[in-house]
Protein backbone atom coordinates (compact mmCIF):
# COMPACT_ATOMS: atom_id res chain seq x y z
CA UNK A 1 0.00 0.00 0.00
CA UNK A 2 2.17 2.86 -1.25
CA UNK A 3 -0.11 5.55 0.22
CA UNK A 4 0.86 4.43 3.71
CA UNK A 5 4.26 5.95 2.96
CA UNK A 6 6.21 5.82 6.26
CA UNK A 7 3.73 3.35 7.77
CA UNK A 8 3.83 0.34 5.44
CA UNK A 9 3.47 -2.99 7.29
CA UNK A 10 7.18 -3.81 7.00
CA UNK A 11 8.13 -0.40 8.44
CA UNK A 12 5.80 -0.86 11.40
CA UNK A 13 7.86 -3.93 12.32
CA UNK A 14 11.15 -2.04 12.37
CA UNK A 15 12.91 -2.40 15.75
CA UNK A 16 12.53 0.23 18.46
CA UNK A 17 15.83 2.04 19.14
CA UNK A 18 17.38 2.43 22.55
CA UNK A 19 16.71 3.92 25.04
CA UNK A 20 13.03 3.36 24.25
CA UNK A 21 13.41 -0.42 23.79
CA UNK A 22 15.05 -0.60 27.21
CA UNK A 23 12.27 1.49 28.77
CA UNK A 24 9.60 -0.82 27.35
CA UNK A 25 11.36 -3.86 28.76
CA UNK A 26 11.75 -2.32 32.22
CA UNK A 27 8.12 -1.15 32.26
CA UNK A 28 6.87 -4.50 30.95
CA UNK A 29 5.07 -2.75 28.08
CA UNK A 30 4.75 -3.35 24.37
CA UNK A 31 5.18 -0.96 21.46
CA UNK A 32 1.38 -0.68 21.20
CA UNK A 33 -0.54 1.25 23.87
CA UNK A 34 -4.31 1.29 24.35
CA UNK A 35 -4.05 3.95 27.04
CA UNK A 36 -5.82 7.10 25.81
CA UNK A 37 -3.26 9.22 27.72
CA UNK A 38 -0.60 7.90 25.29
CA UNK A 39 -2.59 9.05 22.27
CA UNK A 40 -2.35 12.38 20.48
CA UNK A 41 -5.21 14.86 20.52
CA UNK A 42 -5.23 14.41 16.76
CA UNK A 43 -6.20 10.78 17.20
CA UNK A 44 -9.93 11.25 16.66
CA UNK A 45 -11.07 7.64 16.85
CA UNK A 46 -14.11 7.38 19.11
CA UNK A 47 -13.49 3.83 20.27
CA UNK A 48 -10.49 1.56 20.48
CA UNK A 49 -7.91 4.30 20.42
CA UNK A 50 -4.40 2.96 19.99
CA UNK A 51 -0.95 4.52 19.87
CA UNK A 52 2.18 2.83 18.50
CA UNK A 53 5.86 3.49 18.97
CA UNK A 54 7.29 3.83 15.46
CA UNK A 55 10.96 2.95 15.01
CA UNK A 56 11.81 5.43 12.20
CA UNK A 57 9.99 8.27 14.00
CA UNK A 58 11.93 7.57 17.20
CA UNK A 59 15.21 7.57 15.23
CA UNK A 60 14.14 10.91 13.73
CA UNK A 61 13.38 12.38 17.18
CA UNK A 62 16.76 11.28 18.54
CA UNK A 63 18.46 12.83 15.49
CA UNK A 64 16.63 16.12 16.06
CA UNK A 65 17.57 16.11 19.77
CA UNK A 66 21.24 15.69 18.84
CA UNK A 67 21.06 18.47 16.24
CA UNK A 68 19.66 20.86 18.85
CA UNK A 69 22.19 19.68 21.42
CA UNK A 70 25.49 19.62 19.48
CA UNK A 71 26.56 21.86 16.61
CA UNK A 72 28.61 19.11 14.97
CA UNK A 73 25.62 16.73 14.77
CA UNK A 74 23.96 18.57 11.90
CA UNK A 75 21.62 21.51 11.52
CA UNK A 76 17.98 22.48 10.95
CA UNK A 77 16.47 25.80 9.96
CA UNK A 78 13.94 27.57 7.78
CA UNK A 79 14.25 29.97 4.89
CA UNK A 80 11.63 32.59 5.62
CA UNK A 81 10.43 34.59 2.62
CA UNK A 82 8.48 37.83 2.59
CA UNK A 83 5.07 36.28 3.32
CA UNK A 84 5.72 32.60 4.03
CA UNK A 85 8.33 29.95 4.68
CA UNK A 86 10.07 28.95 1.46
CA UNK A 87 11.85 25.86 2.77
CA UNK A 88 12.37 23.78 5.88
CA UNK A 89 16.05 22.82 5.75
CA UNK A 90 18.14 20.10 7.37
CA UNK A 91 21.53 18.46 7.02
CA UNK A 92 23.07 15.76 9.20
CA UNK A 93 25.52 12.85 8.87
CA UNK A 94 24.07 9.37 8.29
CA UNK A 95 25.53 5.92 7.70
CA UNK A 96 25.88 6.41 3.93
CA UNK A 97 26.87 10.08 3.87
CA UNK A 98 25.50 13.48 4.78
CA UNK A 99 21.79 14.03 4.16
CA UNK A 100 21.14 17.53 2.82
CA UNK A 101 17.42 18.21 2.43
CA UNK A 102 14.71 20.80 2.00
CA UNK A 103 10.96 20.37 2.43
CA UNK A 104 8.55 22.63 0.57
CA UNK A 105 5.25 22.68 2.44
CA UNK A 106 3.53 24.38 -0.51
CA UNK A 107 3.82 21.32 -2.75
CA UNK A 108 4.69 18.65 -0.17
CA UNK A 109 7.94 17.67 -1.86
CA UNK A 110 11.39 16.91 -0.54
CA UNK A 111 14.55 17.83 -2.44
CA UNK A 112 18.11 17.04 -1.52
CA UNK A 113 21.33 15.17 -1.99
CA UNK A 114 23.23 12.43 -0.21
CA UNK A 115 26.68 13.97 0.01
CA UNK A 116 29.58 11.50 0.08
CA UNK A 117 33.34 12.04 -0.18
CA UNK A 118 33.36 10.91 -3.81
CA UNK A 119 30.19 12.51 -5.21
CA UNK A 120 26.67 13.75 -4.60
CA UNK A 121 23.90 11.17 -4.98
CA UNK A 122 20.13 11.41 -5.06
CA UNK A 123 18.26 10.88 -1.80
CA UNK A 124 16.91 7.32 -1.43
CA UNK A 125 13.26 6.45 -1.74
CA UNK A 126 11.44 4.30 0.81
CA UNK A 127 12.33 0.68 0.01
CA UNK A 128 12.09 -2.42 2.16
CA UNK A 129 15.44 -3.43 3.57
CA UNK A 130 17.06 -0.22 2.30
CA UNK A 131 15.45 2.92 3.71
CA UNK A 132 12.59 3.56 6.12
CA UNK A 133 12.35 7.30 5.46
CA UNK A 134 13.51 8.36 8.93
CA UNK A 135 15.47 11.30 7.44
CA UNK A 136 12.27 12.77 6.00
CA UNK A 137 10.44 12.22 9.28
CA UNK A 138 13.21 14.15 11.05
CA UNK A 139 12.57 17.16 8.81
CA UNK A 140 8.80 16.87 9.28
CA UNK A 141 9.33 16.65 13.05
CA UNK A 142 11.37 19.85 12.90
CA UNK A 143 8.54 21.53 10.93
CA UNK A 144 6.20 20.65 13.83
CA UNK A 145 8.43 22.64 16.19
CA UNK A 146 8.63 25.92 14.25
CA UNK A 147 6.15 28.53 15.52
CA UNK A 148 4.10 30.73 13.20
CA UNK A 149 3.74 28.18 10.42
CA UNK A 150 0.75 26.02 9.42
CA UNK A 151 2.58 22.82 10.42
CA UNK A 152 3.30 23.93 13.98
CA UNK A 153 1.92 21.43 16.50
CA UNK A 154 1.92 22.70 20.07
CA UNK A 155 1.21 19.25 21.50
CA UNK A 156 4.10 17.74 19.57
CA UNK A 157 6.41 20.58 20.64
CA UNK A 158 5.51 20.13 24.33
CA UNK A 159 6.21 16.40 24.29
CA UNK A 160 9.37 16.75 22.20
CA UNK A 161 10.70 19.16 24.83
CA UNK A 162 9.94 16.52 27.48
CA UNK A 163 12.05 14.01 25.54
CA UNK A 164 14.79 16.58 25.12
CA UNK A 165 14.81 17.30 28.85
CA UNK A 166 14.83 13.61 29.73
CA UNK A 167 17.76 13.00 27.40
CA UNK A 168 19.72 15.65 29.30
CA UNK A 169 18.80 13.89 32.60
CA UNK A 170 19.81 10.50 31.16
CA UNK A 171 16.14 9.37 31.02
CA UNK A 172 15.59 9.40 34.77
CA UNK A 173 11.79 9.61 34.41
CA UNK A 174 11.13 6.72 32.05
CA UNK A 175 7.37 6.90 32.41
CA UNK A 176 7.26 10.55 31.27
CA UNK A 177 9.69 9.83 28.45
CA UNK A 178 7.69 6.84 27.16
CA UNK A 179 4.42 8.77 27.26
CA UNK A 180 6.01 11.68 25.35
CA UNK A 181 7.42 9.23 22.80
CA UNK A 182 4.00 7.58 22.27
CA UNK A 183 2.32 10.99 21.81
CA UNK A 184 4.97 12.28 19.35
CA UNK A 185 4.78 9.09 17.26
CA UNK A 186 0.97 9.16 17.27
CA UNK A 187 0.83 12.87 16.37
CA UNK A 188 3.06 12.38 13.32
CA UNK A 189 1.16 9.25 12.29
CA UNK A 190 -2.13 11.15 12.40
CA UNK A 191 -0.64 14.01 10.38
CA UNK A 192 0.53 11.72 7.58
CA UNK A 193 -2.47 9.40 7.21
CA UNK A 194 -5.22 11.99 7.85
CA UNK A 195 -7.61 12.99 5.07
CA UNK A 196 -6.11 15.49 2.57
CA UNK A 197 -7.80 18.50 4.19
CA UNK A 198 -6.16 17.82 7.56
CA UNK A 199 -2.95 15.98 6.62
CA UNK A 200 0.49 17.53 6.41
CA UNK A 201 1.23 18.50 2.76
CA UNK A 202 3.06 15.45 1.43
CA UNK A 203 3.42 14.14 -2.10
CA UNK A 204 3.65 10.45 -1.14
CA UNK A 205 4.34 9.18 -4.64
CA UNK A 206 7.81 10.77 -4.57
CA UNK A 207 9.05 8.02 -2.22
CA UNK A 208 8.03 5.05 -4.39
CA UNK A 209 11.09 4.99 -6.65
CA UNK A 210 14.60 3.89 -5.71
CA UNK A 211 15.65 7.55 -5.55
CA UNK A 212 13.89 10.86 -5.10
CA UNK A 213 13.47 12.76 -8.33
CA UNK A 214 14.08 16.22 -6.89
CA UNK A 215 17.70 17.15 -6.22
CA UNK A 216 19.41 20.32 -5.02
CA UNK A 217 21.65 21.53 -7.88
CA UNK A 218 25.17 22.22 -6.65
CA UNK A 219 25.36 25.63 -8.30
CA UNK A 220 22.13 26.70 -6.55
CA UNK A 221 23.48 25.48 -3.21
CA UNK A 222 26.64 27.50 -3.87
CA UNK A 223 24.54 30.55 -4.73
CA UNK A 224 22.74 30.33 -1.38
CA UNK A 225 19.33 29.60 -2.92
CA UNK A 226 18.41 27.19 -0.12
CA UNK A 227 20.22 28.91 2.74
CA UNK A 228 18.14 29.08 5.96
CA UNK A 229 17.76 32.44 7.68
CA UNK A 230 15.65 31.73 10.80
CA UNK A 231 14.91 29.19 13.56
CA UNK A 232 18.34 27.66 13.06
CA UNK A 233 19.54 24.81 15.27
CA UNK A 234 23.09 23.47 15.00
CA UNK A 235 25.58 24.63 12.37
CA UNK A 236 25.08 24.36 8.62
CA UNK A 237 28.06 23.45 6.46
CA UNK A 238 26.39 22.95 3.05
CA UNK A 239 23.22 25.05 2.94
CA UNK A 240 25.00 28.31 3.66
CA UNK A 241 24.49 31.88 2.50
CA UNK A 242 27.07 32.87 -0.11
CA UNK A 243 28.94 35.20 2.23
CA UNK A 244 29.38 32.43 4.82
CA UNK A 245 30.71 29.75 2.54
CA UNK A 246 34.19 28.48 3.25
CA UNK A 247 36.48 29.10 0.31
CA UNK A 248 38.09 26.01 -1.17
CA UNK A 249 41.63 25.68 -2.47
CA UNK A 250 42.63 25.37 -6.08
CA UNK A 251 43.72 21.77 -5.40
CA UNK A 252 40.32 20.81 -3.94
CA UNK A 253 38.42 22.20 -6.90
CA UNK A 254 40.73 20.50 -9.40
CA UNK A 255 39.62 17.18 -7.96
CA UNK A 256 36.02 18.12 -8.84
CA UNK A 257 36.31 19.84 -12.21
CA UNK A 258 39.52 18.77 -14.01
CA UNK A 259 39.93 16.09 -16.65
CA UNK A 260 36.80 16.81 -18.65
CA UNK A 261 38.57 17.92 -21.86
CA UNK A 262 41.45 16.57 -23.92
CA UNK A 263 44.06 19.28 -24.47
CA UNK A 264 46.43 19.45 -27.41
CA UNK A 265 50.05 18.74 -26.38
CA UNK A 266 51.17 21.91 -28.10
CA UNK A 267 48.95 24.10 -25.91
CA UNK A 268 49.43 22.33 -22.57
CA UNK A 269 52.20 24.77 -21.71
CA UNK A 270 49.54 27.49 -21.66
CA UNK A 271 47.77 25.90 -18.67
CA UNK A 272 48.58 28.17 -15.68
CA UNK A 273 50.55 26.79 -12.72
CA UNK A 274 49.48 28.85 -9.72
CA UNK A 275 50.19 27.42 -6.23
CA UNK A 276 47.54 24.82 -5.50
CA UNK A 277 46.94 26.05 -1.93
CA UNK A 278 45.49 29.33 -3.26
CA UNK A 279 41.94 29.95 -2.06
CA UNK A 280 39.44 30.30 -4.92
CA UNK A 281 37.01 33.22 -4.81
CA UNK A 282 33.26 32.69 -4.74
CA UNK A 283 32.99 34.41 -8.15
CA UNK A 284 35.42 31.95 -9.74
CA UNK A 285 33.67 28.99 -8.13
CA UNK A 286 30.29 30.22 -9.43
CA UNK A 287 31.73 30.30 -12.96
CA UNK A 288 33.14 26.78 -12.52
CA UNK A 289 29.73 25.52 -11.43
CA UNK A 290 28.03 27.20 -14.39
CA UNK A 291 30.54 25.68 -16.82
CA UNK A 292 30.13 22.26 -15.26
CA UNK A 293 26.32 22.20 -14.96
CA UNK A 294 25.15 24.39 -17.85
CA UNK A 295 26.16 25.36 -21.42
CA UNK A 296 27.06 28.89 -20.19
CA UNK A 297 30.47 30.00 -21.49
CA UNK A 298 30.38 33.84 -21.54
CA UNK A 299 31.21 35.76 -18.39
CA UNK A 300 32.26 39.24 -17.27
CA UNK A 301 34.02 40.38 -14.10
CA UNK A 302 34.16 44.02 -13.08
CA UNK A 303 36.06 45.58 -10.21
CA UNK A 304 38.96 47.74 -9.10
CA UNK A 305 42.54 46.94 -10.06
CA UNK A 306 44.02 44.33 -7.77
CA UNK A 307 40.74 42.65 -6.80
CA UNK A 308 41.84 39.41 -8.49
CA UNK A 309 39.97 39.36 -11.79
CA UNK A 310 42.89 38.06 -13.84
CA UNK A 311 43.93 35.68 -11.07
CA UNK A 312 40.38 34.28 -11.08
CA UNK A 313 40.51 33.75 -14.86
CA UNK A 314 43.86 31.94 -14.56
CA UNK A 315 42.57 29.82 -11.67
CA UNK A 316 39.53 28.79 -13.70
CA UNK A 317 41.78 27.68 -16.57
CA UNK A 318 44.08 25.75 -14.23
CA UNK A 319 41.23 24.03 -12.38
CA UNK A 320 39.57 22.97 -15.63
CA UNK A 321 42.92 21.95 -17.13
CA UNK A 322 42.48 24.26 -20.13
CA UNK A 323 44.99 26.49 -21.95
CA UNK A 324 44.78 30.15 -20.96
CA UNK A 325 44.85 32.97 -23.51
CA UNK A 326 44.78 36.68 -22.79
CA UNK A 327 43.90 39.60 -25.06
CA UNK A 328 44.34 43.19 -23.85
CA UNK A 329 42.25 45.97 -25.39
CA UNK A 330 43.35 49.56 -25.87
CA UNK A 331 41.73 52.93 -26.69
CA UNK A 332 42.63 52.97 -30.38
CA UNK A 333 41.69 49.40 -31.15
CA UNK A 334 39.40 48.74 -34.12
CA UNK A 335 37.20 45.77 -34.88
CA UNK A 336 39.72 44.08 -37.19
CA UNK A 337 42.37 43.96 -34.46
CA UNK A 338 40.06 41.92 -32.27
CA UNK A 339 40.39 39.03 -34.71
CA UNK A 340 43.69 39.51 -36.55
CA UNK A 341 46.53 41.95 -37.27
CA UNK A 342 48.82 42.42 -40.26
CA UNK A 343 52.57 42.42 -39.61
CA UNK A 344 55.57 42.90 -41.97
CA UNK A 345 56.94 39.70 -43.44
CA UNK A 346 60.39 39.98 -41.88
CA UNK A 347 61.42 36.36 -41.87
CA UNK A 348 59.89 34.94 -44.99
CA UNK A 349 58.80 31.39 -45.41
CA UNK A 350 60.56 30.53 -48.68
CA UNK A 351 63.51 28.17 -48.46
CA UNK A 352 66.37 28.00 -50.98
CA UNK A 353 66.65 24.39 -52.07
CA UNK A 354 70.01 24.00 -53.87
CA UNK A 355 73.31 22.27 -53.19
CA UNK A 356 76.09 24.73 -52.46
CA UNK A 357 79.77 23.84 -52.83
CA UNK A 358 82.17 24.13 -49.93
CA UNK A 359 85.07 26.60 -49.96
CA UNK A 360 87.51 23.67 -50.26
CA UNK A 361 85.68 22.52 -53.44
CA UNK A 362 86.09 25.92 -55.03
CA UNK A 363 89.80 25.97 -54.16
CA UNK A 364 90.47 22.50 -55.62
CA UNK A 365 88.19 22.50 -58.70
CA UNK A 366 86.43 25.82 -59.40
CA UNK A 367 84.80 24.59 -62.66
CA UNK A 368 83.13 21.57 -61.00
CA UNK A 369 82.06 23.70 -58.03
CA UNK A 370 80.33 26.16 -60.36
CA UNK A 371 78.68 23.34 -62.31
CA UNK A 372 76.95 22.07 -59.14
CA UNK A 373 75.19 25.44 -58.92
CA UNK A 374 74.34 26.44 -62.53
CA UNK A 375 74.86 23.15 -64.38
CA UNK A 376 77.52 24.64 -66.73
CA UNK A 377 81.11 23.32 -66.69
CA UNK A 378 83.56 26.10 -67.71
CA UNK A 379 87.01 24.68 -68.32
CA UNK A 380 89.87 26.80 -66.90
CA UNK A 381 87.71 29.23 -64.92
CA UNK A 382 89.58 30.93 -62.11
CA UNK A 383 88.67 30.54 -58.45
CA UNK A 384 87.71 34.24 -58.18
CA UNK A 385 85.48 34.14 -61.27
CA UNK A 386 83.81 30.88 -60.16
CA UNK A 387 83.06 32.36 -56.73
CA UNK A 388 81.42 35.43 -58.31
CA UNK A 389 79.29 33.26 -60.62
CA UNK A 390 78.19 31.08 -57.69
CA UNK A 391 77.07 34.15 -55.68
CA UNK A 392 75.20 35.48 -58.71
CA UNK A 393 73.37 32.17 -59.25
CA UNK A 394 72.41 31.91 -55.59
CA UNK A 395 71.03 35.48 -55.60
CA UNK A 396 68.96 34.91 -58.76
CA UNK A 397 67.46 31.66 -57.48
CA UNK A 398 66.69 33.20 -54.09
CA UNK A 399 64.98 36.18 -55.71
CA UNK A 400 62.84 33.94 -57.96
CA UNK A 401 61.85 31.87 -54.94
CA UNK A 402 60.73 34.77 -52.76
CA UNK A 403 59.40 37.39 -55.18
CA UNK A 404 55.84 35.99 -54.94
CA UNK A 405 55.77 36.23 -51.14
CA UNK A 406 53.55 38.86 -49.54
CA UNK A 407 55.02 41.94 -47.89
CA UNK A 408 52.65 41.51 -44.93
CA UNK A 409 51.36 38.48 -43.06
CA UNK A 410 48.01 38.00 -41.30
CA UNK A 411 48.50 37.12 -37.63
CA UNK A 412 45.55 35.68 -35.71
CA UNK A 413 44.65 37.35 -32.43
CA UNK A 414 44.69 35.41 -29.17
CA UNK A 415 40.87 35.49 -29.31
CA UNK A 416 40.82 33.54 -32.58
CA UNK A 417 43.46 31.09 -31.35
CA UNK A 418 41.43 30.42 -28.22
CA UNK A 419 38.21 29.93 -30.20
CA UNK A 420 39.74 27.02 -32.13
CA UNK A 421 39.86 24.69 -29.08
CA UNK A 422 38.52 24.20 -25.54
CA UNK A 423 40.24 27.01 -23.65
CA UNK A 424 39.84 30.03 -21.40
CA UNK A 425 40.29 33.44 -23.05
CA UNK A 426 40.48 36.51 -20.86
CA UNK A 427 39.64 39.73 -22.70
CA UNK A 428 41.14 42.48 -20.55
CA UNK A 429 39.78 46.03 -20.31
CA UNK A 430 37.27 45.94 -23.20
CA UNK A 431 35.76 49.13 -21.76
CA UNK A 432 38.92 50.99 -22.81
CA UNK A 433 37.98 50.74 -26.50
CA UNK A 434 36.93 54.23 -27.61
CA UNK A 435 35.49 53.52 -31.06
CA UNK A 436 31.73 52.83 -30.74
CA UNK A 437 30.56 49.41 -31.87
CA UNK A 438 34.04 47.86 -32.00
CA UNK A 439 33.29 45.15 -29.47
CA UNK A 440 30.09 44.15 -31.24
CA UNK A 441 32.36 42.60 -33.89
CA UNK A 442 32.62 39.68 -31.47
CA UNK A 443 28.85 39.23 -31.15
CA UNK A 444 28.80 36.58 -33.84
CA UNK A 445 31.33 34.60 -31.79
CA UNK A 446 29.19 35.05 -28.67
CA UNK A 447 25.98 33.80 -30.29
CA UNK A 448 24.90 30.15 -30.31
CA UNK A 449 26.04 29.70 -33.92
CA UNK A 450 29.41 31.22 -32.98
CA UNK A 451 30.75 31.85 -36.51
CA UNK A 452 32.50 34.93 -37.87
CA UNK A 453 34.60 35.83 -40.94
CA UNK A 454 38.29 36.72 -40.86
CA UNK A 455 39.75 39.32 -43.24
CA UNK A 456 41.30 36.57 -45.38
CA UNK A 457 37.86 35.06 -46.02
CA UNK A 458 38.22 32.17 -43.57
CA UNK A 459 35.24 31.42 -41.36
CA UNK A 460 36.10 30.81 -37.71
CA UNK A 461 33.67 28.89 -35.50
CA UNK A 462 34.01 29.22 -31.72
CA UNK A 463 34.55 25.90 -30.02
CA UNK A 464 31.53 25.29 -27.76
CA UNK A 465 33.93 24.84 -24.83
CA UNK A 466 35.84 28.07 -25.31
CA UNK A 467 35.18 30.00 -22.09
CA UNK A 468 35.24 33.78 -22.55
CA UNK A 469 35.89 35.94 -19.47
CA UNK A 470 35.88 39.72 -19.89
CA UNK A 471 37.64 41.59 -17.07
CA UNK A 472 37.31 45.35 -16.74
CA UNK A 473 36.69 48.33 -14.47
CA UNK A 474 33.90 50.59 -15.60
CA UNK A 475 34.77 53.44 -13.21
CA UNK A 476 38.32 54.25 -14.31
CA UNK A 477 39.18 57.23 -16.48
CA UNK A 478 39.09 56.28 -20.15
CA UNK A 479 36.52 53.52 -19.75
CA UNK A 480 33.50 53.61 -22.05
CA UNK A 481 29.97 52.31 -21.63
CA UNK A 482 29.34 48.84 -23.01
CA UNK A 483 27.06 48.25 -25.94
CA UNK A 484 23.88 46.62 -24.61
CA UNK A 485 24.06 43.84 -27.21
CA UNK A 486 27.38 42.72 -25.71
CA UNK A 487 26.10 42.87 -22.14
CA UNK A 488 22.99 40.86 -22.99
CA UNK A 489 25.11 37.99 -24.31
CA UNK A 490 26.99 37.55 -21.02
CA UNK A 491 25.72 34.59 -18.97
CA UNK A 492 26.98 36.18 -15.73
CA UNK A 493 28.26 39.66 -14.92
CA UNK A 494 30.04 39.55 -11.58
CA UNK A 495 31.10 42.70 -9.72
CA UNK A 496 34.25 41.83 -7.76
CA UNK A 497 34.13 43.27 -4.28
CA UNK A 498 37.15 45.21 -3.09
CA UNK A 499 39.42 43.26 -0.75
CA UNK A 500 39.11 44.04 2.95
CA UNK A 501 42.14 45.14 4.96
CA UNK A 502 42.43 41.66 6.43
CA UNK A 503 42.19 39.96 3.02
CA UNK A 504 44.81 42.30 1.59
CA UNK A 505 47.20 41.64 4.45
CA UNK A 506 46.77 37.86 4.20
CA UNK A 507 47.30 37.84 0.45
CA UNK A 508 50.35 40.11 0.66
CA UNK A 509 51.89 37.94 3.38
CA UNK A 510 51.39 34.81 1.29
CA UNK A 511 52.74 36.31 -1.93
CA UNK A 512 55.70 38.24 -0.50
CA UNK A 513 56.71 36.17 2.51
CA UNK A 514 56.68 39.29 4.71
CA UNK A 515 56.11 38.15 8.32
CA UNK A 516 55.58 41.38 10.31
CA UNK A 517 51.80 41.11 10.84
CA UNK A 518 51.49 44.39 12.76
CA UNK A 519 53.26 46.45 10.12
CA UNK A 520 51.46 44.64 7.30
CA UNK A 521 48.10 45.41 8.92
CA UNK A 522 49.04 49.09 9.12
CA UNK A 523 50.12 49.15 5.48
CA UNK A 524 46.90 47.45 4.34
CA UNK A 525 44.80 49.90 6.40
CA UNK A 526 46.71 52.83 4.87
CA UNK A 527 46.06 51.58 1.34
CA UNK A 528 42.32 51.24 2.08
CA UNK A 529 42.13 54.72 3.60
CA UNK A 530 43.92 56.31 0.63
CA UNK A 531 41.60 54.43 -1.74
CA UNK A 532 38.56 55.85 0.08
CA UNK A 533 40.16 59.33 0.05
CA UNK A 534 40.60 59.19 -3.75
CA UNK A 535 36.89 58.40 -4.13
CA UNK A 536 35.74 61.07 -1.69
CA UNK A 537 37.93 63.77 -3.26
CA UNK A 538 37.11 62.65 -6.82
CA UNK A 539 40.80 62.19 -7.62
CA UNK A 540 40.86 60.26 -10.88
CA UNK A 541 44.47 60.56 -12.05
CA UNK A 542 45.79 57.70 -9.93
CA UNK A 543 45.05 54.33 -8.37
CA UNK A 544 45.46 52.73 -4.97
CA UNK A 545 44.64 49.07 -4.37
CA UNK A 546 46.08 45.67 -3.63
CA UNK A 547 48.85 45.86 -6.23
CA UNK A 548 50.11 49.08 -4.63
CA UNK A 549 50.17 47.34 -1.24
CA UNK A 550 52.17 44.41 -2.58
CA UNK A 551 54.67 46.71 -4.30
CA UNK A 552 54.96 48.78 -1.13
CA UNK A 553 55.72 45.65 0.90
CA UNK A 554 58.32 44.44 -1.60
CA UNK A 555 59.97 47.86 -1.73
CA UNK A 556 60.08 48.04 2.07
CA UNK A 557 61.60 44.56 2.28
CA UNK A 558 64.48 45.82 0.11
CA UNK A 559 64.95 49.34 1.49
CA UNK A 560 63.76 48.93 5.10
CA UNK A 561 62.52 52.53 4.77
CA UNK A 562 58.75 52.76 5.23
CA UNK A 563 58.43 56.39 4.13
CA UNK A 564 60.66 56.11 1.06
CA UNK A 565 59.02 52.88 -0.10
CA UNK A 566 55.58 54.48 0.36
CA UNK A 567 56.57 57.34 -1.95
CA UNK A 568 57.91 55.11 -4.71
CA UNK A 569 55.30 52.34 -4.63
CA UNK A 570 52.15 53.95 -3.24
CA UNK A 571 51.86 57.75 -3.16
CA UNK A 572 53.41 58.25 -6.60
CA UNK A 573 50.67 56.05 -8.09
CA UNK A 574 47.77 57.39 -6.01
CA UNK A 575 47.93 60.76 -7.78
CA UNK A 576 50.08 62.61 -10.29
CA UNK A 577 49.64 65.83 -8.30
CA UNK A 578 52.66 66.42 -6.04
CA UNK A 579 50.58 68.50 -3.62
CA UNK A 580 48.00 65.71 -3.25
CA UNK A 581 50.80 63.20 -2.69
CA UNK A 582 52.15 65.34 0.15
CA UNK A 583 48.69 65.67 1.68
CA UNK A 584 48.20 61.91 1.69
CA UNK A 585 51.60 61.40 3.29
CA UNK A 586 50.85 63.91 6.08
CA UNK A 587 47.37 62.56 6.78
CA UNK A 588 47.73 58.80 6.35
CA UNK A 589 51.39 57.93 6.76
CA UNK A 590 53.45 60.24 8.98
CA UNK A 591 51.18 60.16 12.09
CA UNK A 592 51.63 56.40 12.26
CA UNK A 593 55.23 55.88 11.25
CA UNK A 594 56.11 54.81 14.78
CA UNK A 595 54.75 51.40 13.72
CA UNK A 596 57.99 51.03 11.84
């Protein structure tokens, strides 16, 4: 009887877990009680009321008690929307892996994954000898405890709290604990098997298959779509808001995403080789998830200099195991330069194929030496004359060979090279291009058909696994507005947040090896303050960000002079105005130089 769901005959025979089994034995009772005091108020039978201890429900209650008791035992929470609860959420470790689940009370469906060390699997259905559904009962039990929601059950909450209190007291009052267990089991039973108007919303057919159909996509989990925001017990590790997610290392993500594409031996040297203990930003990980789970291949990152846009692009290439190409745009660039450039033919490709005599041959037999070049044997010719004739013949043959060569050669851009194979191409600073409409020349490569014409008549088709990442800063002097047709083709546009003082200091310490944490914190704080000052004063002829901090640290490590290194690596780049440079030194640097 599939509609019985959690209460099929074979499930009703599942053993009772300790400590409840022990309590029954000591009290001389059975798992079935005919005492009306052990029945839930929702048990509306007029005669012959009965309440049963249900093994999977008791397992679920013990799981929920542990979640509320210990942060490392799992977590439960809700995602509250504007007018209603979007999801009831739970994750906890089981025998086969970590159960990560949501329950949508609007449609009565569960979604989730069974997270193992090797991979994510679908949640199991309810099958005899395999799964009783206790994980779903645990989430439904939690829903009964949450106030201000249609599933809240005050009777269930009261008796669950009795069980929770008895667990803390090591079950000293077994009679109270058993009664609370009977009532909780009966309350949930009545909720599930009641008529549709009174029952808990539950699509029972979803449990009939070997696995649940609804899963939680990894990229949505990473984007915080299912993150709880209220009534949270325990500590979530998977269903987290984006800003709380723990960053993973380059090495960890390579284990997940690498090896999907075969790379040409000739381009393997283009795969970046950043240190594998680098932490990968959330923006880069979102792109990796999109590439892995969807056909999306066009992305844009915007942000200040030094926020890690190029590093992210290189990390993505390294994690995926793809060659990395980079193309840098400039103000005077036109649409032809995006695809190819013409360069003078300096080297030439023609080769002179003729046998030349050695100097010793000319000395010993000048006539024979000349004959090897022009085919004419001149008896008695002198060595000098033979040498002149040989040079003349070589020149004439070389000229004939090369006169049909072009004066200029067509050289493909890095964009075109990247489009011929699975790769990552970073297009740097496209907003610097001044000529309107130039970037739209690439639209045909960004479309689904992905075909465009080169100036030599060749048609180039973008490989479907060429990943395009545009990196730019829209706020810097010289940057232009993007054409809307280009923006609309981007699958994601990610604004990179500026690094915090702490993040700057950590990155600089890792990259430079500088160990003075106190001084490094001061230098990072100074860089951030000057950056804010430039914005407040509308100073647009300079820059101050992470790169300036790193250069300042390196300069100080060499000179051991904090003030001098600040001038050469920081203040001189923050503004071209000498007076402004002096002001920044007096305000932000000199009052704190005792740190040195």
